[in-house]
Amino acid sequence: MLEPFKYILNARRIILASGSPRRKEVLDNIGLKFEVIPSIFEENLDPASYHDPSDFVIDTAAHKVEEVYERLKNDAKKPDLIIGADTVVVFESQIYGKPKSEDHAFEMLKKFCGKSQFVYTGIVLKTNKETVKFFEKSEVTFGELTDEMIKAYIKTGEPMDKAGGYGIQSIGGTLVKSVNGDYFNIVGFPVYHFCKQLVGLVERSKLE
């Protein structure tokens, strides 16, 4: 989708305000040229104060973008686009971020067994002229898992830096029975929706 606009995008300074290796890999794979400058925003927003999980992830992503923007706004070459993202898992109306401990990871994964949860990713795109905010929602259904299986997965260390305590693109994929929606959203970055919004920015001349 981006190919006709690569000549414009490649000439711009694009920043990914995230240290997530999954998000970096996704953007690398679509051929986007960008710098990784992780936000140091302290993720301390209260999910209970938001009407919907989509509002929470969008607001968190927006704070990440603003923190990076403030750091870079006086650079000789200012960023033309800053990309921020935040992902959470929602199960029975409760928001789950990264587990705080192995016991917390076990508690999360045990609840998900044989049931569906929803992955929300909020994305914020900030240019010098416009800020675009959107989100994507995908459904993930776990298979039935024994306590032994869950504990062994946790011992791999993979769950500890991932929302909901699992990574679908790696070992955690063996826990997942089915997916409804954008797979890449579950990884942490909804590629199609992002590209659609980015094309809109280019066509509206917000990156020129």
N, C-alpha and C. Protein backbone atom coordinates (compact mmCIF):
# COMPACT_ATOMS: atom_id res chain seq x y z
N MET A 1 0.81 -1.21 0.00
CA MET A 1 0.00 0.00 0.00
C MET A 1 0.86 1.28 0.00
N LEU A 2 2.02 1.20 0.65
CA LEU A 2 2.87 2.39 0.76
C LEU A 2 3.79 2.60 -0.44
N GLU A 3 3.92 1.60 -1.28
CA GLU A 3 4.94 1.66 -2.35
C GLU A 3 4.87 2.93 -3.20
N PRO A 4 3.68 3.39 -3.63
CA PRO A 4 3.65 4.61 -4.46
C PRO A 4 4.13 5.87 -3.73
N PHE A 5 4.21 5.78 -2.40
CA PHE A 5 4.55 6.97 -1.60
C PHE A 5 5.92 6.86 -0.94
N LYS A 6 6.65 5.81 -1.24
CA LYS A 6 7.94 5.59 -0.59
C LYS A 6 8.93 6.73 -0.86
N TYR A 7 8.86 7.33 -2.04
CA TYR A 7 9.81 8.40 -2.38
C TYR A 7 9.59 9.60 -1.47
N ILE A 8 8.36 9.80 -1.02
CA ILE A 8 8.07 10.89 -0.07
C ILE A 8 8.50 10.47 1.33
N LEU A 9 8.10 9.27 1.74
CA LEU A 9 8.38 8.80 3.10
C LEU A 9 9.87 8.66 3.35
N ASN A 10 10.60 8.18 2.35
CA ASN A 10 12.04 7.95 2.52
C ASN A 10 12.84 9.25 2.68
N ALA A 11 12.22 10.35 2.29
CA ALA A 11 12.90 11.65 2.41
C ALA A 11 12.54 12.37 3.71
N ARG A 12 11.73 11.72 4.55
CA ARG A 12 11.28 12.34 5.78
C ARG A 12 11.94 11.70 7.00
N ARG A 13 12.04 12.47 8.06
CA ARG A 13 12.56 11.92 9.32
C ARG A 13 11.39 11.34 10.11
N ILE A 14 11.36 10.02 10.18
CA ILE A 14 10.27 9.31 10.85
C ILE A 14 10.82 8.66 12.12
N ILE A 15 10.10 8.85 13.22
CA ILE A 15 10.53 8.35 14.52
C ILE A 15 9.52 7.34 15.05
N LEU A 16 9.99 6.19 15.49
CA LEU A 16 9.15 5.24 16.22
C LEU A 16 9.44 5.45 17.70
N ALA A 17 8.43 5.93 18.44
CA ALA A 17 8.61 6.25 19.85
C ALA A 17 8.35 5.02 20.72
N SER A 18 8.98 3.93 20.35
CA SER A 18 8.77 2.66 21.06
C SER A 18 10.03 1.83 21.00
N GLY A 19 10.34 1.17 22.12
CA GLY A 19 11.49 0.27 22.14
C GLY A 19 11.11 -1.16 21.86
N SER A 20 9.85 -1.40 21.50
CA SER A 20 9.38 -2.76 21.25
C SER A 20 10.07 -3.37 20.02
N PRO A 21 10.77 -4.49 20.20
CA PRO A 21 11.39 -5.14 19.03
C PRO A 21 10.36 -5.67 18.05
N ARG A 22 9.16 -6.00 18.54
CA ARG A 22 8.11 -6.48 17.64
C ARG A 22 7.65 -5.38 16.71
N ARG A 23 7.43 -4.19 17.26
CA ARG A 23 6.98 -3.08 16.41
C ARG A 23 8.06 -2.68 15.41
N LYS A 24 9.29 -2.66 15.86
CA LYS A 24 10.40 -2.35 14.96
C LYS A 24 10.45 -3.36 13.81
N GLU A 25 10.29 -4.63 14.13
CA GLU A 25 10.36 -5.67 13.10
C GLU A 25 9.22 -5.52 12.09
N VAL A 26 8.03 -5.23 12.59
CA VAL A 26 6.88 -5.06 11.70
C VAL A 26 7.13 -3.92 10.72
N LEU A 27 7.63 -2.78 11.22
CA LEU A 27 7.87 -1.63 10.33
C LEU A 27 9.05 -1.88 9.40
N ASP A 28 10.07 -2.58 9.89
CA ASP A 28 11.19 -2.96 9.02
C ASP A 28 10.69 -3.81 7.86
N ASN A 29 9.80 -4.73 8.16
CA ASN A 29 9.33 -5.68 7.16
C ASN A 29 8.50 -5.04 6.06
N ILE A 30 7.91 -3.87 6.33
CA ILE A 30 7.15 -3.21 5.26
C ILE A 30 8.01 -2.17 4.54
N GLY A 31 9.29 -2.12 4.89
CA GLY A 31 10.23 -1.27 4.15
C GLY A 31 10.22 0.19 4.52
N LEU A 32 9.69 0.50 5.71
CA LEU A 32 9.68 1.90 6.15
C LEU A 32 11.03 2.26 6.75
N LYS A 33 11.54 3.43 6.40
CA LYS A 33 12.79 3.92 6.98
C LYS A 33 12.47 4.81 8.17
N PHE A 34 13.04 4.49 9.33
CA PHE A 34 12.70 5.23 10.54
C PHE A 34 13.80 5.08 11.58
N GLU A 35 13.76 5.95 12.57
CA GLU A 35 14.66 5.87 13.73
C GLU A 35 13.85 5.36 14.92
N VAL A 36 14.50 4.61 15.79
CA VAL A 36 13.87 4.18 17.03
C VAL A 36 14.35 5.07 18.17
N ILE A 37 13.43 5.83 18.74
CA ILE A 37 13.73 6.65 19.91
C ILE A 37 12.63 6.37 20.94
N PRO A 38 12.85 5.40 21.81
CA PRO A 38 11.81 5.01 22.76
C PRO A 38 11.39 6.15 23.68
N SER A 39 10.11 6.24 23.93
CA SER A 39 9.60 7.22 24.88
C SER A 39 9.98 6.81 26.30
N ILE A 40 10.24 7.82 27.13
CA ILE A 40 10.51 7.56 28.55
C ILE A 40 9.32 8.01 29.40
N PHE A 41 8.17 8.17 28.76
CA PHE A 41 6.95 8.49 29.50
C PHE A 41 6.66 7.38 30.50
N GLU A 42 6.42 7.78 31.75
CA GLU A 42 6.08 6.80 32.78
C GLU A 42 4.63 6.37 32.58
N GLU A 43 4.44 5.11 32.24
CA GLU A 43 3.09 4.63 31.90
C GLU A 43 2.29 4.41 33.19
N ASN A 44 1.74 5.50 33.70
CA ASN A 44 1.06 5.44 34.98
C ASN A 44 -0.38 5.92 34.90
N LEU A 45 -0.96 5.95 33.70
CA LEU A 45 -2.36 6.35 33.56
C LEU A 45 -3.25 5.27 34.17
N ASP A 46 -4.35 5.69 34.76
CA ASP A 46 -5.27 4.77 35.43
C ASP A 46 -6.32 4.26 34.45
N PRO A 47 -6.27 2.97 34.10
CA PRO A 47 -7.26 2.44 33.15
C PRO A 47 -8.70 2.62 33.61
N ALA A 48 -8.91 2.62 34.94
CA ALA A 48 -10.27 2.74 35.48
C ALA A 48 -10.90 4.10 35.19
N SER A 49 -10.08 5.07 34.85
CA SER A 49 -10.60 6.42 34.60
C SER A 49 -11.04 6.61 33.15
N TYR A 50 -10.95 5.56 32.36
CA TYR A 50 -11.33 5.64 30.94
C TYR A 50 -12.62 4.87 30.67
N HIS A 51 -13.45 5.44 29.83
CA HIS A 51 -14.74 4.82 29.51
C HIS A 51 -14.57 3.53 28.72
N ASP A 52 -13.53 3.50 27.88
CA ASP A 52 -13.33 2.34 27.00
C ASP A 52 -11.83 2.06 26.88
N PRO A 53 -11.43 0.77 26.74
CA PRO A 53 -10.00 0.46 26.59
C PRO A 53 -9.35 1.18 25.41
N SER A 54 -10.13 1.44 24.37
CA SER A 54 -9.56 2.13 23.20
C SER A 54 -9.08 3.53 23.58
N ASP A 55 -9.83 4.20 24.46
CA ASP A 55 -9.43 5.53 24.91
C ASP A 55 -8.13 5.47 25.71
N PHE A 56 -8.00 4.43 26.51
CA PHE A 56 -6.80 4.26 27.35
C PHE A 56 -5.55 4.06 26.50
N VAL A 57 -5.61 3.14 25.51
CA VAL A 57 -4.42 2.87 24.70
C VAL A 57 -4.07 4.05 23.81
N ILE A 58 -5.07 4.75 23.30
CA ILE A 58 -4.80 5.93 22.47
C ILE A 58 -4.15 7.03 23.31
N ASP A 59 -4.67 7.25 24.51
CA ASP A 59 -4.12 8.31 25.36
C ASP A 59 -2.69 7.97 25.80
N THR A 60 -2.43 6.70 26.12
CA THR A 60 -1.08 6.29 26.49
C THR A 60 -0.12 6.51 25.32
N ALA A 61 -0.55 6.10 24.12
CA ALA A 61 0.28 6.31 22.93
C ALA A 61 0.53 7.78 22.69
N ALA A 62 -0.47 8.62 22.92
CA ALA A 62 -0.33 10.07 22.72
C ALA A 62 0.69 10.66 23.68
N HIS A 63 0.68 10.21 24.93
CA HIS A 63 1.66 10.70 25.90
C HIS A 63 3.09 10.29 25.50
N LYS A 64 3.23 9.09 24.95
CA LYS A 64 4.55 8.64 24.49
C LYS A 64 5.05 9.54 23.36
N VAL A 65 4.16 9.84 22.44
CA VAL A 65 4.53 10.69 21.30
C VAL A 65 4.91 12.09 21.77
N GLU A 66 4.12 12.65 22.65
CA GLU A 66 4.39 14.02 23.13
C GLU A 66 5.72 14.10 23.87
N GLU A 67 6.05 13.06 24.64
CA GLU A 67 7.32 13.07 25.36
C GLU A 67 8.49 13.09 24.38
N VAL A 68 8.42 12.27 23.34
CA VAL A 68 9.49 12.24 22.34
C VAL A 68 9.52 13.55 21.54
N TYR A 69 8.35 14.07 21.21
CA TYR A 69 8.28 15.34 20.47
C TYR A 69 8.98 16.46 21.24
N GLU A 70 8.71 16.54 22.53
CA GLU A 70 9.32 17.59 23.35
C GLU A 70 10.84 17.46 23.39
N ARG A 71 11.33 16.23 23.38
CA ARG A 71 12.78 16.02 23.40
C ARG A 71 13.44 16.40 22.10
N LEU A 72 12.72 16.23 20.99
CA LEU A 72 13.34 16.39 19.67
C LEU A 72 12.97 17.69 18.95
N LYS A 73 12.08 18.48 19.53
CA LYS A 73 11.54 19.63 18.78
C LYS A 73 12.57 20.69 18.47
N ASN A 74 13.68 20.69 19.20
CA ASN A 74 14.72 21.68 18.92
C ASN A 74 15.89 21.12 18.11
N ASP A 75 15.76 19.90 17.64
CA ASP A 75 16.80 19.31 16.78
C ASP A 75 16.97 20.14 15.50
N ALA A 76 18.16 20.12 14.96
CA ALA A 76 18.40 20.84 13.70
C ALA A 76 17.46 20.35 12.62
N LYS A 77 17.29 19.03 12.56
CA LYS A 77 16.29 18.46 11.65
C LYS A 77 15.16 17.87 12.50
N LYS A 78 14.06 18.58 12.56
CA LYS A 78 12.94 18.13 13.38
C LYS A 78 12.28 16.90 12.76
N PRO A 79 11.66 16.06 13.58
CA PRO A 79 10.93 14.90 13.03
C PRO A 79 9.77 15.35 12.15
N ASP A 80 9.57 14.65 11.06
CA ASP A 80 8.40 14.91 10.22
C ASP A 80 7.21 14.08 10.67
N LEU A 81 7.51 12.95 11.32
CA LEU A 81 6.45 12.06 11.79
C LEU A 81 6.95 11.30 13.00
N ILE A 82 6.14 11.31 14.06
CA ILE A 82 6.44 10.49 15.25
C ILE A 82 5.31 9.49 15.41
N ILE A 83 5.68 8.23 15.58
CA ILE A 83 4.71 7.14 15.70
C ILE A 83 4.73 6.61 17.13
N GLY A 84 3.57 6.62 17.77
CA GLY A 84 3.45 6.06 19.12
C GLY A 84 2.44 4.94 19.14
N ALA A 85 2.64 3.97 20.03
CA ALA A 85 1.72 2.84 20.12
C ALA A 85 1.64 2.31 21.54
N ASP A 86 0.50 1.73 21.86
CA ASP A 86 0.32 1.06 23.15
C ASP A 86 -0.65 -0.08 22.96
N THR A 87 -0.35 -1.22 23.61
CA THR A 87 -1.17 -2.42 23.46
C THR A 87 -1.55 -2.98 24.82
N VAL A 88 -2.81 -3.36 24.96
CA VAL A 88 -3.27 -4.05 26.16
C VAL A 88 -4.17 -5.22 25.76
N VAL A 89 -4.36 -6.13 26.71
CA VAL A 89 -5.31 -7.22 26.56
C VAL A 89 -6.49 -6.95 27.49
N VAL A 90 -7.70 -7.16 26.99
CA VAL A 90 -8.90 -6.95 27.79
C VAL A 90 -9.65 -8.27 27.93
N PHE A 91 -9.90 -8.65 29.17
CA PHE A 91 -10.62 -9.89 29.45
C PHE A 91 -11.67 -9.61 30.51
N GLU A 92 -12.92 -9.88 30.15
CA GLU A 92 -14.04 -9.64 31.06
C GLU A 92 -14.00 -8.22 31.62
N SER A 93 -13.82 -7.27 30.71
CA SER A 93 -13.83 -5.82 31.00
C SER A 93 -12.65 -5.34 31.83
N GLN A 94 -11.68 -6.19 32.09
CA GLN A 94 -10.49 -5.78 32.83
C GLN A 94 -9.30 -5.66 31.89
N ILE A 95 -8.51 -4.59 32.06
CA ILE A 95 -7.35 -4.35 31.22
C ILE A 95 -6.11 -5.02 31.81
N TYR A 96 -5.40 -5.74 30.96
CA TYR A 96 -4.17 -6.41 31.37
C TYR A 96 -3.01 -5.88 30.56
N GLY A 97 -2.00 -5.35 31.27
CA GLY A 97 -0.78 -4.93 30.61
C GLY A 97 0.27 -6.01 30.76
N LYS A 98 1.52 -5.60 30.96
CA LYS A 98 2.60 -6.57 31.15
C LYS A 98 2.53 -7.13 32.58
N PRO A 99 2.80 -8.41 32.76
CA PRO A 99 2.76 -8.98 34.11
C PRO A 99 3.83 -8.39 35.01
N LYS A 100 3.51 -8.25 36.28
CA LYS A 100 4.43 -7.67 37.25
C LYS A 100 5.36 -8.71 37.86
N SER A 101 5.00 -9.98 37.73
CA SER A 101 5.79 -11.07 38.28
C SER A 101 5.39 -12.37 37.59
N GLU A 102 6.13 -13.44 37.84
CA GLU A 102 5.76 -14.73 37.26
C GLU A 102 4.41 -15.20 37.80
N ASP A 103 4.15 -14.94 39.05
CA ASP A 103 2.85 -15.32 39.63
C ASP A 103 1.72 -14.55 38.95
N HIS A 104 1.97 -13.28 38.68
CA HIS A 104 0.97 -12.46 37.99
C HIS A 104 0.73 -12.98 36.58
N ALA A 105 1.80 -13.37 35.90
CA ALA A 105 1.68 -13.94 34.56
C ALA A 105 0.85 -15.22 34.59
N PHE A 106 1.10 -16.06 35.59
CA PHE A 106 0.34 -17.31 35.71
C PHE A 106 -1.15 -17.01 35.93
N GLU A 107 -1.42 -16.04 36.79
CA GLU A 107 -2.81 -15.66 37.07
C GLU A 107 -3.52 -15.22 35.80
N MET A 108 -2.84 -14.40 35.00
CA MET A 108 -3.42 -13.94 33.73
C MET A 108 -3.72 -15.11 32.80
N LEU A 109 -2.68 -15.89 32.52
CA LEU A 109 -2.80 -16.95 31.52
C LEU A 109 -3.80 -18.02 31.95
N LYS A 110 -3.87 -18.28 33.23
CA LYS A 110 -4.84 -19.25 33.75
C LYS A 110 -6.27 -18.79 33.47
N LYS A 111 -6.51 -17.50 33.63
CA LYS A 111 -7.85 -16.95 33.36
C LYS A 111 -8.22 -17.08 31.89
N PHE A 112 -7.22 -16.92 31.01
CA PHE A 112 -7.49 -16.92 29.57
C PHE A 112 -7.77 -18.31 29.01
N CYS A 113 -7.42 -19.37 29.73
CA CYS A 113 -7.51 -20.74 29.20
C CYS A 113 -8.93 -21.07 28.72
N GLY A 114 -9.01 -21.50 27.47
CA GLY A 114 -10.28 -21.91 26.90
C GLY A 114 -11.26 -20.77 26.64
N LYS A 115 -10.78 -19.54 26.77
CA LYS A 115 -11.68 -18.39 26.61
C LYS A 115 -11.08 -17.37 25.65
N SER A 116 -11.90 -16.36 25.34
CA SER A 116 -11.46 -15.31 24.43
C SER A 116 -11.14 -14.03 25.19
N GLN A 117 -10.16 -13.33 24.70
CA GLN A 117 -9.84 -12.00 25.20
C GLN A 117 -9.63 -11.10 23.98
N PHE A 118 -9.58 -9.81 24.23
CA PHE A 118 -9.46 -8.85 23.13
C PHE A 118 -8.18 -8.03 23.27
N VAL A 119 -7.49 -7.87 22.17
CA VAL A 119 -6.26 -7.09 22.15
C VAL A 119 -6.55 -5.73 21.51
N TYR A 120 -6.25 -4.68 22.24
CA TYR A 120 -6.42 -3.31 21.76
C TYR A 120 -5.05 -2.69 21.56
N THR A 121 -4.84 -2.08 20.41
CA THR A 121 -3.64 -1.28 20.18
C THR A 121 -4.05 0.12 19.76
N GLY A 122 -3.54 1.11 20.47
CA GLY A 122 -3.78 2.50 20.10
C GLY A 122 -2.56 3.04 19.37
N ILE A 123 -2.78 3.77 18.30
CA ILE A 123 -1.70 4.35 17.50
C ILE A 123 -1.91 5.86 17.39
N VAL A 124 -0.82 6.61 17.55
CA VAL A 124 -0.87 8.06 17.35
C VAL A 124 0.23 8.45 16.37
N LEU A 125 -0.15 9.20 15.35
CA LEU A 125 0.78 9.70 14.34
C LEU A 125 0.81 11.22 14.42
N LYS A 126 1.95 11.78 14.74
CA LYS A 126 2.07 13.24 14.89
C LYS A 126 3.01 13.80 13.84
N THR A 127 2.51 14.69 13.02
CA THR A 127 3.35 15.43 12.08
C THR A 127 3.44 16.87 12.56
N ASN A 128 4.07 17.72 11.78
CA ASN A 128 4.16 19.14 12.14
C ASN A 128 2.84 19.88 11.92
N LYS A 129 1.91 19.20 11.24
CA LYS A 129 0.65 19.86 10.89
C LYS A 129 -0.59 19.18 11.47
N GLU A 130 -0.46 17.92 11.85
CA GLU A 130 -1.67 17.17 12.20
C GLU A 130 -1.31 16.01 13.13
N THR A 131 -2.26 15.65 13.99
CA THR A 131 -2.12 14.46 14.83
C THR A 131 -3.29 13.53 14.55
N VAL A 132 -2.98 12.28 14.22
CA VAL A 132 -4.00 11.29 13.91
C VAL A 132 -3.98 10.23 15.00
N LYS A 133 -5.17 9.89 15.52
CA LYS A 133 -5.29 8.89 16.57
C LYS A 133 -6.30 7.82 16.16
N PHE A 134 -5.94 6.57 16.37
CA PHE A 134 -6.87 5.48 16.03
C PHE A 134 -6.49 4.23 16.82
N PHE A 135 -7.35 3.21 16.75
CA PHE A 135 -7.06 1.97 17.44
C PHE A 135 -7.54 0.78 16.62
N GLU A 136 -7.06 -0.38 16.98
CA GLU A 136 -7.49 -1.63 16.35
C GLU A 136 -7.81 -2.62 17.47
N LYS A 137 -8.79 -3.48 17.22
CA LYS A 137 -9.22 -4.48 18.20
C LYS A 137 -9.27 -5.85 17.55
N SER A 138 -8.64 -6.84 18.19
CA SER A 138 -8.64 -8.21 17.67
C SER A 138 -9.02 -9.18 18.78
N GLU A 139 -9.62 -10.29 18.40
CA GLU A 139 -10.03 -11.31 19.37
C GLU A 139 -9.08 -12.49 19.33
N VAL A 140 -8.67 -12.95 20.51
CA VAL A 140 -7.78 -14.11 20.62
C VAL A 140 -8.44 -15.14 21.52
N THR A 141 -8.51 -16.38 21.06
CA THR A 141 -9.08 -17.45 21.88
C THR A 141 -7.99 -18.46 22.22
N PHE A 142 -7.82 -18.70 23.51
CA PHE A 142 -6.84 -19.68 23.99
C PHE A 142 -7.43 -21.09 23.96
N GLY A 143 -6.55 -22.06 23.80
CA GLY A 143 -6.95 -23.45 23.97
C GLY A 143 -6.95 -23.81 25.45
N GLU A 144 -7.31 -25.05 25.75
CA GLU A 144 -7.26 -25.52 27.13
C GLU A 144 -5.81 -25.85 27.48
N LEU A 145 -5.34 -25.34 28.61
CA LEU A 145 -3.94 -25.53 29.00
C LEU A 145 -3.87 -26.03 30.44
N THR A 146 -2.91 -26.90 30.71
CA THR A 146 -2.70 -27.36 32.07
C THR A 146 -1.82 -26.36 32.82
N ASP A 147 -1.84 -26.45 34.14
CA ASP A 147 -0.98 -25.59 34.94
C ASP A 147 0.49 -25.82 34.58
N GLU A 148 0.83 -27.07 34.30
CA GLU A 148 2.21 -27.41 33.94
C GLU A 148 2.63 -26.69 32.66
N MET A 149 1.72 -26.66 31.68
CA MET A 149 2.02 -25.98 30.41
C MET A 149 2.24 -24.49 30.62
N ILE A 150 1.37 -23.88 31.44
CA ILE A 150 1.47 -22.44 31.69
C ILE A 150 2.78 -22.11 32.40
N LYS A 151 3.10 -22.88 33.43
CA LYS A 151 4.32 -22.63 34.20
C LYS A 151 5.57 -22.81 33.34
N ALA A 152 5.55 -23.81 32.47
CA ALA A 152 6.70 -24.05 31.59
C ALA A 152 6.86 -22.89 30.61
N TYR A 153 5.75 -22.36 30.12
CA TYR A 153 5.82 -21.21 29.21
C TYR A 153 6.39 -20.00 29.93
N ILE A 154 5.94 -19.76 31.15
CA ILE A 154 6.43 -18.62 31.92
C ILE A 154 7.94 -18.74 32.15
N LYS A 155 8.42 -19.95 32.35
CA LYS A 155 9.85 -20.17 32.61
C LYS A 155 10.71 -19.81 31.39
N THR A 156 10.12 -19.72 30.21
CA THR A 156 10.89 -19.30 29.04
C THR A 156 11.25 -17.81 29.13
N GLY A 157 10.53 -17.08 29.98
CA GLY A 157 10.77 -15.64 30.13
C GLY A 157 10.01 -14.79 29.14
N GLU A 158 9.41 -15.41 28.15
CA GLU A 158 8.73 -14.66 27.09
C GLU A 158 7.57 -13.79 27.58
N PRO A 159 6.78 -14.25 28.55
CA PRO A 159 5.59 -13.47 28.92
C PRO A 159 5.87 -12.14 29.61
N MET A 160 7.06 -11.97 30.16
CA MET A 160 7.27 -10.88 31.12
C MET A 160 7.28 -9.47 30.53
N ASP A 161 7.51 -9.33 29.24
CA ASP A 161 7.52 -7.99 28.65
C ASP A 161 6.40 -7.82 27.63
N LYS A 162 5.34 -8.62 27.79
CA LYS A 162 4.26 -8.58 26.80
C LYS A 162 2.90 -8.38 27.45
N ALA A 163 2.09 -7.53 26.84
CA ALA A 163 0.74 -7.29 27.35
C ALA A 163 -0.03 -8.60 27.38
N GLY A 164 -0.68 -8.86 28.49
CA GLY A 164 -1.44 -10.09 28.61
C GLY A 164 -0.59 -11.30 28.95
N GLY A 165 0.73 -11.14 28.94
CA GLY A 165 1.61 -12.22 29.34
C GLY A 165 1.89 -13.27 28.27
N TYR A 166 1.71 -12.91 26.99
CA TYR A 166 2.05 -13.86 25.93
C TYR A 166 2.42 -13.14 24.64
N GLY A 167 3.24 -13.81 23.85
CA GLY A 167 3.62 -13.28 22.54
C GLY A 167 3.17 -14.24 21.45
N ILE A 168 2.17 -13.83 20.68
CA ILE A 168 1.57 -14.73 19.70
C ILE A 168 2.54 -15.07 18.57
N GLN A 169 3.52 -14.19 18.32
CA GLN A 169 4.44 -14.39 17.22
C GLN A 169 5.56 -15.37 17.56
N SER A 170 5.62 -15.80 18.83
CA SER A 170 6.70 -16.69 19.26
C SER A 170 6.11 -17.93 19.93
N ILE A 171 6.70 -18.35 21.04
CA ILE A 171 6.24 -19.56 21.73
C ILE A 171 4.78 -19.44 22.14
N GLY A 172 4.38 -18.21 22.50
CA GLY A 172 2.99 -17.99 22.93
C GLY A 172 1.97 -18.36 21.88
N GLY A 173 2.38 -18.43 20.63
CA GLY A 173 1.46 -18.84 19.58
C GLY A 173 0.91 -20.24 19.78
N THR A 174 1.65 -21.06 20.53
CA THR A 174 1.18 -22.44 20.77
C THR A 174 0.02 -22.49 21.74
N LEU A 175 -0.26 -21.39 22.42
CA LEU A 175 -1.37 -21.33 23.37
C LEU A 175 -2.68 -20.92 22.70
N VAL A 176 -2.56 -20.36 21.49
CA VAL A 176 -3.68 -19.71 20.83
C VAL A 176 -4.42 -20.69 19.91
N LYS A 177 -5.71 -20.83 20.16
CA LYS A 177 -6.55 -21.71 19.33
C LYS A 177 -7.02 -21.01 18.07
N SER A 178 -7.42 -19.75 18.21
CA SER A 178 -7.92 -19.02 17.04
C SER A 178 -7.79 -17.52 17.23
N VAL A 179 -7.87 -16.82 16.09
CA VAL A 179 -7.76 -15.36 16.06
C VAL A 179 -8.86 -14.80 15.17
N ASN A 180 -9.47 -13.73 15.60
CA ASN A 180 -10.45 -13.04 14.78
C ASN A 180 -10.04 -11.57 14.70
N GLY A 181 -9.59 -11.16 13.53
CA GLY A 181 -9.13 -9.77 13.37
C GLY A 181 -7.70 -9.72 12.88
N ASP A 182 -7.09 -8.55 13.02
CA ASP A 182 -5.75 -8.30 12.52
C ASP A 182 -4.70 -9.00 13.39
N TYR A 183 -4.00 -9.96 12.82
CA TYR A 183 -2.95 -10.69 13.54
C TYR A 183 -1.86 -9.74 14.01
N PHE A 184 -1.45 -8.81 13.15
CA PHE A 184 -0.35 -7.91 13.51
C PHE A 184 -0.73 -6.99 14.67
N ASN A 185 -2.02 -6.72 14.81
CA ASN A 185 -2.48 -5.95 15.96
C ASN A 185 -2.16 -6.68 17.26
N ILE A 186 -2.28 -8.00 17.24
CA ILE A 186 -1.99 -8.81 18.42
C ILE A 186 -0.48 -8.80 18.70
N VAL A 187 0.31 -8.75 17.65
CA VAL A 187 1.76 -8.62 17.81
C VAL A 187 2.10 -7.28 18.45
N GLY A 188 1.27 -6.26 18.18
CA GLY A 188 1.50 -4.96 18.79
C GLY A 188 1.46 -3.78 17.84
N PHE A 189 1.18 -4.07 16.53
CA PHE A 189 1.14 -2.96 15.58
C PHE A 189 0.24 -3.32 14.40
N PRO A 190 -0.94 -2.69 14.30
CA PRO A 190 -1.89 -3.00 13.22
C PRO A 190 -1.43 -2.42 11.88
N VAL A 191 -0.79 -3.23 11.09
CA VAL A 191 -0.12 -2.75 9.87
C VAL A 191 -1.08 -2.11 8.87
N TYR A 192 -2.17 -2.80 8.54
CA TYR A 192 -3.06 -2.29 7.51
C TYR A 192 -3.65 -0.93 7.90
N HIS A 193 -4.16 -0.85 9.12
CA HIS A 193 -4.78 0.40 9.57
C HIS A 193 -3.74 1.52 9.61
N PHE A 194 -2.53 1.20 10.06
CA PHE A 194 -1.45 2.19 10.07
C PHE A 194 -1.15 2.70 8.67
N CYS A 195 -0.99 1.78 7.73
CA CYS A 195 -0.67 2.18 6.34
C CYS A 195 -1.78 3.03 5.74
N LYS A 196 -3.01 2.65 6.03
CA LYS A 196 -4.15 3.42 5.51
C LYS A 196 -4.12 4.85 6.03
N GLN A 197 -3.84 5.00 7.33
CA GLN A 197 -3.79 6.34 7.92
C GLN A 197 -2.58 7.13 7.40
N LEU A 198 -1.46 6.44 7.22
CA LEU A 198 -0.25 7.11 6.73
C LEU A 198 -0.43 7.59 5.29
N VAL A 199 -1.07 6.77 4.47
CA VAL A 199 -1.38 7.19 3.10
C VAL A 199 -2.26 8.44 3.13
N GLY A 200 -3.22 8.46 4.04
CA GLY A 200 -4.08 9.64 4.16
C GLY A 200 -3.29 10.89 4.49
N LEU A 201 -2.30 10.77 5.39
CA LEU A 201 -1.46 11.92 5.72
C LEU A 201 -0.70 12.42 4.50
N VAL A 202 -0.14 11.49 3.74
CA VAL A 202 0.62 11.88 2.54
C VAL A 202 -0.30 12.54 1.52
N GLU A 203 -1.47 11.95 1.30
CA GLU A 203 -2.39 12.49 0.29
C GLU A 203 -2.93 13.85 0.69
N ARG A 204 -3.00 14.11 1.98
CA ARG A 204 -3.45 15.43 2.46
C ARG A 204 -2.28 16.41 2.54
N SER A 205 -1.12 15.96 2.05
CA SER A 205 0.11 16.77 2.02
C SER A 205 0.59 17.16 3.41
N LYS A 206 0.29 16.34 4.40
CA LYS A 206 0.73 16.64 5.75
C LYS A 206 2.19 16.20 6.00
N LEU A 207 2.76 15.50 5.02
CA LEU A 207 4.16 15.10 5.15
C LEU A 207 5.00 15.76 4.07
N GLU A 208 4.47 16.76 3.41
CA GLU A 208 5.21 17.44 2.36
C GLU A 208 5.47 18.90 2.73
